[in-house]
Amino acid sequence: MTCKWRGRALQLEFGPRGEALERRRRWLGRLSPSASRPRRARPSLRRASAWVRDRVAGRPGALPGFQASGVAGEAQKAPGHPAAPAPAASCLTEADGRVFLHAFRLALIQLQISSIKSDNVTRACSFIREAATQGAKIVSLPECFNSPYGTKYFPEYAEKIPGESTQKLCEVAKECSIYLIGGSIPEEDAGKLYNTCAVFGPDGTLLAKYRKIHLFDIDVPGKITFQESKTLSPGDSFSTFDTPYCRVGLGICYDMRFAELAQIYAQRGCQLLVYPGAFNLTTGPAHWELLQRSRAVDNQVYVATASPARDDKASYVAWGHSTVVNPWGEVLAKAGTEEAIVYSDIDLKKLAEIRQQIPVFRQKRSDLYAVEMKKP
């Protein structure tokens, strides 16, 4: 089956039968000019398709293809025609009226980090391109993807945004026509350092910038002591961004321990929470997956974490195990400790079903308790 745009109508042609119908249409056109005109798409289809086209304007091939059943498939592009937008059956309308394509592929890049910034950035871009060729529409890098993780490294590797690392991310996001969550980098701004995530759209636009709110200051006697606040300053705002596929909320690593942040993102309509993170060999095996599943179930959202690959020779050894969890708390995809790309096909219909079956948002006792933003 192929989908082709002719005028404003979306026509589906099925093998020989479709060819026969086309010949008949052309023959009738000789008798009546109106008979050869393509039928106008239904208003609901025009509205949904127009919304999607507007969100990804100027990005050939950026839209995923869907088979007639609504199952995700590869877009088939006819010569001389743009990729066909998804039919209405492949869209999901939220209660607030927002319309999303219900299925897409997410990729998490578990990168091996070296001490050479330019090498880290170059290799990250190479993995991003590979993920895009495999159909990923949203791609995330790990925390501190361009530098080793550690308080002594933050000042050495810090750069402004925009800067050399984020400029490369901007370029590769545009080249691959994807939404790119740039893990995090040490950012310098007005004499302060932040652990910052930059997000770029398919046209290379900076869509969001999130500075880690909760700094990693812990002391587990005999195992690990770490104090990010020695060199970093905390952020003071939330960050979300919209795509044709879902609304995404951002956190970084230690932020995942704070349930209130995830609750606020869920209240703001996020269906996917992404936490670039670098848990260690003490907290990783104990809490990494537990926290992801908890945030996913509590808020009925998808949760994704992108970690650096493990390097046993590093001063700070990351746990690895980049993971995607669905709103039911099931692990959909998970890496080991080595460098890898994790793929997961996200389906918002699954999220909608879970929220209907267990309607916790409608059952909350807002007369007794509330989690509210004090700053936008």
Protein backbone atom coordinates (compact mmCIF):
# COMPACT_ATOMS: atom_id res chain seq x y z
CA MET A 1 0.00 0.00 0.00
CA THR A 2 1.26 3.47 -0.78
CA CYS A 3 0.02 6.83 0.41
CA LYS A 4 0.20 9.74 -2.01
CA TRP A 5 -0.86 13.35 -1.84
CA ARG A 6 -2.92 14.46 -4.81
CA GLY A 7 -4.30 17.94 -4.36
CA ARG A 8 -5.75 17.91 -0.85
CA ALA A 9 -6.96 14.34 -0.81
CA LEU A 10 -5.14 11.40 0.69
CA GLN A 11 -5.63 8.43 -1.65
CA LEU A 12 -4.78 4.86 -0.70
CA GLU A 13 -4.03 2.51 -3.60
CA PHE A 14 -3.94 -1.25 -3.15
CA GLY A 15 -2.04 -3.10 -5.92
CA PRO A 16 -3.90 -4.10 -9.13
CA ARG A 17 -7.29 -3.12 -7.72
CA GLY A 18 -6.04 0.41 -7.13
CA GLU A 19 -4.65 0.58 -10.66
CA ALA A 20 -7.99 -0.56 -12.12
CA LEU A 21 -9.83 2.09 -10.13
CA GLU A 22 -7.38 4.70 -11.34
CA ARG A 23 -7.94 3.73 -15.00
CA ARG A 24 -11.70 3.89 -14.46
CA ARG A 25 -11.40 7.31 -12.83
CA ARG A 26 -9.40 8.64 -15.78
CA TRP A 27 -11.93 7.19 -18.29
CA LEU A 28 -14.82 8.84 -16.44
CA GLY A 29 -12.87 12.08 -16.50
CA ARG A 30 -13.27 12.23 -20.24
CA LEU A 31 -17.05 12.40 -19.76
CA SER A 32 -17.16 14.70 -16.76
CA PRO A 33 -14.27 16.88 -15.59
CA SER A 34 -15.56 16.75 -12.02
CA ALA A 35 -15.34 12.95 -11.99
CA SER A 36 -11.56 13.11 -12.25
CA ARG A 37 -11.11 15.47 -9.34
CA PRO A 38 -9.84 13.87 -6.13
CA ARG A 39 -12.34 13.82 -3.29
CA ARG A 40 -11.69 16.27 -0.51
CA ALA A 41 -10.48 14.74 2.71
CA ARG A 42 -12.87 14.70 5.64
CA PRO A 43 -12.71 17.85 7.80
CA SER A 44 -11.35 15.86 10.76
CA LEU A 45 -8.55 14.46 8.58
CA ARG A 46 -7.75 17.88 7.14
CA ARG A 47 -7.51 19.42 10.60
CA ALA A 48 -5.31 16.64 12.01
CA SER A 49 -3.07 16.55 8.96
CA ALA A 50 -2.78 20.35 8.85
CA TRP A 51 -1.73 20.42 12.50
CA VAL A 52 0.97 17.85 11.87
CA ARG A 53 2.19 19.61 8.71
CA ASP A 54 2.42 22.93 10.53
CA ARG A 55 4.44 21.41 13.37
CA VAL A 56 7.01 19.91 11.06
CA ALA A 57 6.90 22.32 8.13
CA GLY A 58 9.91 22.25 5.92
CA ARG A 59 11.15 18.85 7.05
CA PRO A 60 10.79 16.37 4.18
CA GLY A 61 10.31 12.82 5.36
CA ALA A 62 10.00 13.78 9.02
CA LEU A 63 6.55 12.29 9.40
CA PRO A 64 6.28 8.60 10.25
CA GLY A 65 4.21 6.35 8.00
CA PHE A 66 1.30 4.36 9.37
CA GLN A 67 -0.45 1.40 7.85
CA ALA A 68 -4.23 1.46 7.52
CA SER A 69 -4.58 -0.44 10.80
CA GLY A 70 -2.78 2.35 12.64
CA VAL A 71 0.32 0.26 13.34
CA ALA A 72 3.56 2.18 12.88
CA GLY A 73 5.34 1.49 9.61
CA GLU A 74 7.87 3.08 7.31
CA ALA A 75 6.75 6.10 5.30
CA GLN A 76 6.69 5.38 1.59
CA LYS A 77 7.51 8.46 -0.44
CA ALA A 78 6.34 8.71 -4.05
CA PRO A 79 8.73 10.40 -6.49
CA GLY A 80 8.11 14.12 -6.57
CA HIS A 81 5.74 14.06 -3.60
CA PRO A 82 6.32 14.84 0.09
CA ALA A 83 5.97 12.01 2.60
CA ALA A 84 2.29 11.44 3.33
CA PRO A 85 1.05 12.60 6.71
CA ALA A 86 -0.59 10.05 8.97
CA PRO A 87 -4.33 9.44 8.56
CA ALA A 88 -6.67 10.54 11.32
CA ALA A 89 -6.80 7.03 12.82
CA SER A 90 -3.12 7.40 13.74
CA CYS A 91 -3.68 10.55 15.78
CA LEU A 92 -4.60 10.80 19.43
CA THR A 93 -6.57 13.75 20.80
CA GLU A 94 -5.98 14.71 24.44
CA ALA A 95 -8.76 15.97 26.72
CA ASP A 96 -7.42 19.53 26.36
CA GLY A 97 -7.70 19.34 22.55
CA ARG A 98 -4.03 18.71 21.74
CA VAL A 99 -3.51 16.28 18.86
CA PHE A 100 -0.52 13.92 18.66
CA LEU A 101 0.64 11.16 16.37
CA HIS A 102 0.18 8.25 18.75
CA ALA A 103 3.27 6.19 17.89
CA PHE A 104 6.94 7.07 17.44
CA ARG A 105 10.41 5.69 18.04
CA LEU A 106 12.59 6.96 20.90
CA ALA A 107 16.35 6.42 21.03
CA LEU A 108 18.69 6.73 24.02
CA ILE A 109 22.41 6.94 23.35
CA GLN A 110 24.58 5.33 26.03
CA LEU A 111 27.88 6.97 25.14
CA GLN A 112 31.38 6.04 26.32
CA ILE A 113 32.82 9.33 27.62
CA SER A 114 36.50 10.22 27.22
CA SER A 115 38.57 13.15 28.44
CA ILE A 116 38.65 14.70 24.95
CA LYS A 117 35.63 16.94 24.44
CA SER A 118 35.80 17.09 20.65
CA ASP A 119 35.93 13.29 20.41
CA ASN A 120 32.90 12.96 22.67
CA VAL A 121 30.90 15.40 20.57
CA THR A 122 31.93 13.82 17.26
CA ARG A 123 31.04 10.32 18.42
CA ALA A 124 27.75 11.53 19.89
CA CYS A 125 26.79 13.03 16.53
CA SER A 126 27.70 9.77 14.80
CA PHE A 127 25.38 7.80 17.09
CA ILE A 128 22.62 10.39 16.59
CA ARG A 129 22.82 9.88 12.83
CA GLU A 130 22.66 6.13 13.28
CA ALA A 131 19.58 6.43 15.51
CA ALA A 132 17.87 8.64 12.94
CA THR A 133 18.48 6.10 10.17
CA GLN A 134 16.71 3.53 12.36
CA GLY A 135 13.59 5.69 12.50
CA ALA A 136 14.08 7.50 15.81
CA LYS A 137 12.12 10.77 15.99
CA ILE A 138 13.24 11.78 19.50
CA VAL A 139 16.84 11.08 20.55
CA SER A 140 18.50 11.68 23.93
CA LEU A 141 22.15 11.85 24.94
CA PRO A 142 23.38 11.09 28.49
CA GLU A 143 24.26 13.45 31.31
CA CYS A 144 27.62 15.21 30.78
CA PHE A 145 27.95 13.70 27.33
CA ASN A 146 30.87 15.96 26.34
CA SER A 147 33.01 15.63 29.48
CA PRO A 148 33.91 13.33 32.35
CA TYR A 149 31.52 13.68 35.29
CA GLY A 150 33.08 15.24 38.39
CA THR A 151 33.33 18.51 40.30
CA LYS A 152 36.92 19.04 39.15
CA TYR A 153 35.87 18.68 35.51
CA PHE A 154 32.88 21.02 35.48
CA PRO A 155 34.92 24.28 35.40
CA GLU A 156 37.41 22.85 32.89
CA TYR A 157 34.82 21.70 30.36
CA ALA A 158 32.19 24.40 30.88
CA GLU A 159 31.01 26.43 27.91
CA LYS A 160 28.28 28.88 27.09
CA ILE A 161 25.04 28.00 25.33
CA PRO A 162 25.20 28.46 22.40
CA GLY A 163 28.76 27.15 22.27
CA GLU A 164 30.91 24.63 20.45
CA SER A 165 29.11 21.51 21.72
CA THR A 166 25.57 22.79 21.38
CA GLN A 167 26.32 24.20 17.92
CA LYS A 168 27.16 20.67 16.78
CA LEU A 169 23.92 19.39 18.31
CA CYS A 170 21.97 22.11 16.53
CA GLU A 171 23.51 21.09 13.21
CA VAL A 172 22.98 17.35 13.58
CA ALA A 173 19.37 17.78 14.75
CA LYS A 174 18.65 19.77 11.60
CA GLU A 175 20.59 17.36 9.39
CA CYS A 176 18.65 14.36 10.74
CA SER A 177 15.33 16.19 11.13
CA ILE A 178 14.81 14.95 14.69
CA TYR A 179 14.05 16.24 18.16
CA LEU A 180 17.35 16.06 20.04
CA ILE A 181 17.62 16.10 23.83
CA GLY A 182 21.24 17.04 24.35
CA GLY A 183 21.88 15.11 27.55
CA SER A 184 23.66 17.71 29.61
CA ILE A 185 26.87 19.73 29.61
CA PRO A 186 28.56 21.99 32.16
CA GLU A 187 27.27 25.45 31.24
CA GLU A 188 28.90 28.75 32.19
CA ASP A 189 26.68 31.79 32.46
CA ALA A 190 27.35 35.08 34.24
CA GLY A 191 30.12 33.59 36.36
CA LYS A 192 28.09 30.57 37.49
CA LEU A 193 28.18 26.95 36.40
CA TYR A 194 25.11 24.81 35.74
CA ASN A 195 24.40 21.23 34.72
CA THR A 196 22.30 22.03 31.65
CA CYS A 197 20.28 20.16 29.06
CA ALA A 198 19.63 21.84 25.69
CA VAL A 199 16.91 20.58 23.33
CA PHE A 200 16.90 21.18 19.58
CA GLY A 201 14.10 20.81 17.05
CA PRO A 202 14.22 19.33 13.52
CA ASP A 203 15.03 22.76 12.09
CA GLY A 204 17.93 23.29 14.52
CA THR A 205 16.00 25.69 16.75
CA LEU A 206 16.78 25.67 20.49
CA LEU A 207 13.42 24.56 21.90
CA ALA A 208 14.23 24.30 25.60
CA LYS A 209 17.03 24.66 28.11
CA TYR A 210 16.83 22.95 31.48
CA ARG A 211 19.23 23.51 34.37
CA LYS A 212 19.39 20.75 36.96
CA ILE A 213 17.22 21.81 39.90
CA HIS A 214 18.33 19.34 42.57
CA LEU A 215 22.10 19.14 43.00
CA PHE A 216 23.68 15.78 43.80
CA ASP A 217 25.01 16.22 47.33
CA ILE A 218 25.17 12.85 49.11
CA ASP A 219 27.28 11.01 51.68
CA VAL A 220 26.96 7.22 51.94
CA PRO A 221 29.66 6.25 54.49
CA GLY A 222 32.21 3.82 53.13
CA LYS A 223 30.76 3.96 49.61
CA ILE A 224 30.38 7.38 48.00
CA THR A 225 30.54 11.05 48.88
CA PHE A 226 29.76 13.63 46.22
CA GLN A 227 28.89 17.33 46.32
CA GLU A 228 27.86 18.97 43.06
CA SER A 229 27.18 22.21 44.92
CA LYS A 230 30.95 22.73 45.34
CA THR A 231 31.06 23.98 41.76
CA LEU A 232 27.52 24.02 40.35
CA SER A 233 24.54 26.29 40.97
CA PRO A 234 20.98 24.92 40.86
CA GLY A 235 18.46 25.84 38.20
CA ASP A 236 15.16 27.41 39.21
CA SER A 237 12.66 26.62 36.45
CA PHE A 238 10.84 23.76 34.74
CA SER A 239 11.27 22.85 31.08
CA THR A 240 8.84 21.14 28.72
CA PHE A 241 8.61 21.08 24.96
CA ASP A 242 6.04 19.90 22.42
CA THR A 243 6.54 17.61 19.45
CA PRO A 244 4.00 16.14 17.00
CA TYR A 245 4.32 12.94 19.04
CA CYS A 246 4.00 14.00 22.68
CA ARG A 247 4.82 16.64 25.27
CA VAL A 248 8.14 16.03 27.02
CA GLY A 249 9.25 17.05 30.52
CA LEU A 250 12.94 17.29 31.42
CA GLY A 251 14.95 16.39 34.51
CA ILE A 252 18.58 15.45 35.09
CA CYS A 253 19.74 12.46 37.14
CA TYR A 254 19.17 13.31 40.85
CA ASP A 255 15.98 15.18 39.89
CA MET A 256 14.36 11.77 39.40
CA ARG A 257 14.33 11.23 43.18
CA PHE A 258 11.93 14.13 43.66
CA ALA A 259 8.40 12.96 42.93
CA GLU A 260 7.02 16.49 42.95
CA LEU A 261 8.89 17.44 39.78
CA ALA A 262 7.38 14.53 37.87
CA GLN A 263 3.91 15.32 39.28
CA ILE A 264 4.14 18.91 38.07
CA TYR A 265 5.17 17.74 34.61
CA ALA A 266 2.22 15.34 34.53
CA GLN A 267 -0.09 18.20 35.56
CA ARG A 268 1.32 20.21 32.66
CA GLY A 269 0.31 17.51 30.20
CA CYS A 270 3.58 15.64 29.69
CA GLN A 271 3.33 12.07 28.43
CA LEU A 272 7.08 11.41 28.42
CA LEU A 273 9.68 12.34 31.05
CA VAL A 274 13.33 12.16 30.05
CA TYR A 275 16.13 12.12 32.61
CA PRO A 276 19.69 12.10 31.28
CA GLY A 277 21.52 10.70 34.30
CA ALA A 278 24.67 9.11 35.69
CA PHE A 279 23.86 7.04 38.74
CA ASN A 280 26.87 5.24 40.25
CA LEU A 281 27.72 1.73 41.40
CA THR A 282 26.18 2.40 44.83
CA THR A 283 22.89 4.09 43.91
CA GLY A 284 22.49 2.51 40.47
CA PRO A 285 21.75 -1.11 41.38
CA ALA A 286 19.59 -0.03 44.32
CA HIS A 287 17.49 2.80 42.91
CA TRP A 288 17.96 3.44 39.16
CA GLU A 289 15.20 1.20 37.81
CA LEU A 290 13.09 1.50 40.97
CA LEU A 291 12.82 5.29 40.64
CA GLN A 292 12.01 5.14 36.93
CA ARG A 293 9.22 2.65 37.45
CA SER A 294 7.89 4.65 40.40
CA ARG A 295 7.76 7.93 38.46
CA ALA A 296 6.12 6.14 35.52
CA VAL A 297 3.40 4.47 37.61
CA ASP A 298 2.76 7.43 39.92
CA ASN A 299 2.16 9.79 37.02
CA GLN A 300 1.04 7.38 34.30
CA VAL A 301 3.73 8.54 31.88
CA TYR A 302 6.58 7.04 29.92
CA VAL A 303 9.97 7.54 31.60
CA ALA A 304 13.32 7.36 29.81
CA THR A 305 16.83 7.61 31.24
CA ALA A 306 20.04 8.02 29.24
CA SER A 307 23.27 7.16 31.06
CA PRO A 308 26.92 7.24 30.04
CA ALA A 309 28.42 3.81 29.41
CA ARG A 310 30.41 2.32 32.26
CA ASP A 311 34.14 3.08 32.44
CA ASP A 312 35.73 1.26 35.37
CA LYS A 313 38.87 3.41 35.04
CA ALA A 314 37.01 6.71 35.51
CA SER A 315 37.10 8.62 38.79
CA TYR A 316 33.28 8.46 38.79
CA VAL A 317 31.93 5.18 37.42
CA ALA A 318 28.48 5.46 35.85
CA TRP A 319 25.96 2.64 36.29
CA GLY A 320 24.84 2.53 32.65
CA HIS A 321 21.60 0.63 31.98
CA SER A 322 19.79 3.35 30.00
CA THR A 323 16.12 2.42 30.23
CA VAL A 324 12.60 3.09 28.94
CA VAL A 325 9.60 2.33 31.18
CA ASN A 326 5.92 2.49 30.21
CA PRO A 327 3.05 3.91 32.33
CA TRP A 328 2.27 0.43 33.67
CA GLY A 329 5.76 0.25 35.14
CA GLU A 330 7.04 -2.27 32.60
CA VAL A 331 10.60 -2.00 31.31
CA LEU A 332 10.31 -1.73 27.52
CA ALA A 333 14.00 -1.49 26.69
CA LYS A 334 17.23 -1.52 28.67
CA ALA A 335 20.94 -1.37 27.90
CA GLY A 336 23.70 -3.16 29.71
CA THR A 337 26.84 -1.35 30.82
CA GLU A 338 28.52 -1.00 27.43
CA GLU A 339 28.17 1.71 24.79
CA ALA A 340 24.88 1.22 22.96
CA ILE A 341 21.76 2.77 21.45
CA VAL A 342 18.49 1.83 23.13
CA TYR A 343 15.37 1.95 20.94
CA SER A 344 11.78 1.89 22.12
CA ASP A 345 8.56 2.32 20.15
CA ILE A 346 6.28 4.56 22.23
CA ASP A 347 2.50 4.23 21.84
CA LEU A 348 0.31 6.91 23.43
CA LYS A 349 -2.74 4.68 23.00
CA LYS A 350 -1.26 2.46 25.72
CA LEU A 351 -0.94 5.50 27.97
CA ALA A 352 -4.56 6.53 27.29
CA GLU A 353 -5.80 3.01 28.06
CA ILE A 354 -3.98 2.92 31.40
CA ARG A 355 -5.30 6.33 32.41
CA GLN A 356 -8.82 5.18 31.58
CA GLN A 357 -8.49 1.89 33.44
CA ILE A 358 -6.95 3.43 36.58
CA PRO A 359 -8.16 7.08 36.58
CA VAL A 360 -5.96 8.43 39.36
CA PHE A 361 -5.95 11.97 37.96
CA ARG A 362 -9.72 12.20 38.35
CA GLN A 363 -9.59 10.61 41.79
CA LYS A 364 -7.02 12.89 43.41
CA ARG A 365 -8.29 14.64 46.55
CA SER A 366 -7.35 18.20 45.70
CA ASP A 367 -9.50 19.31 48.63
CA LEU A 368 -6.99 17.62 50.95
CA TYR A 369 -3.61 18.04 49.25
CA ALA A 370 -1.89 19.59 46.26
CA VAL A 371 1.46 19.82 44.50
CA GLU A 372 1.77 23.23 42.88
CA MET A 373 4.38 25.26 41.04
CA LYS A 374 5.65 28.33 42.85
CA LYS A 375 7.56 29.52 39.79
CA PRO A 376 6.77 28.91 36.09
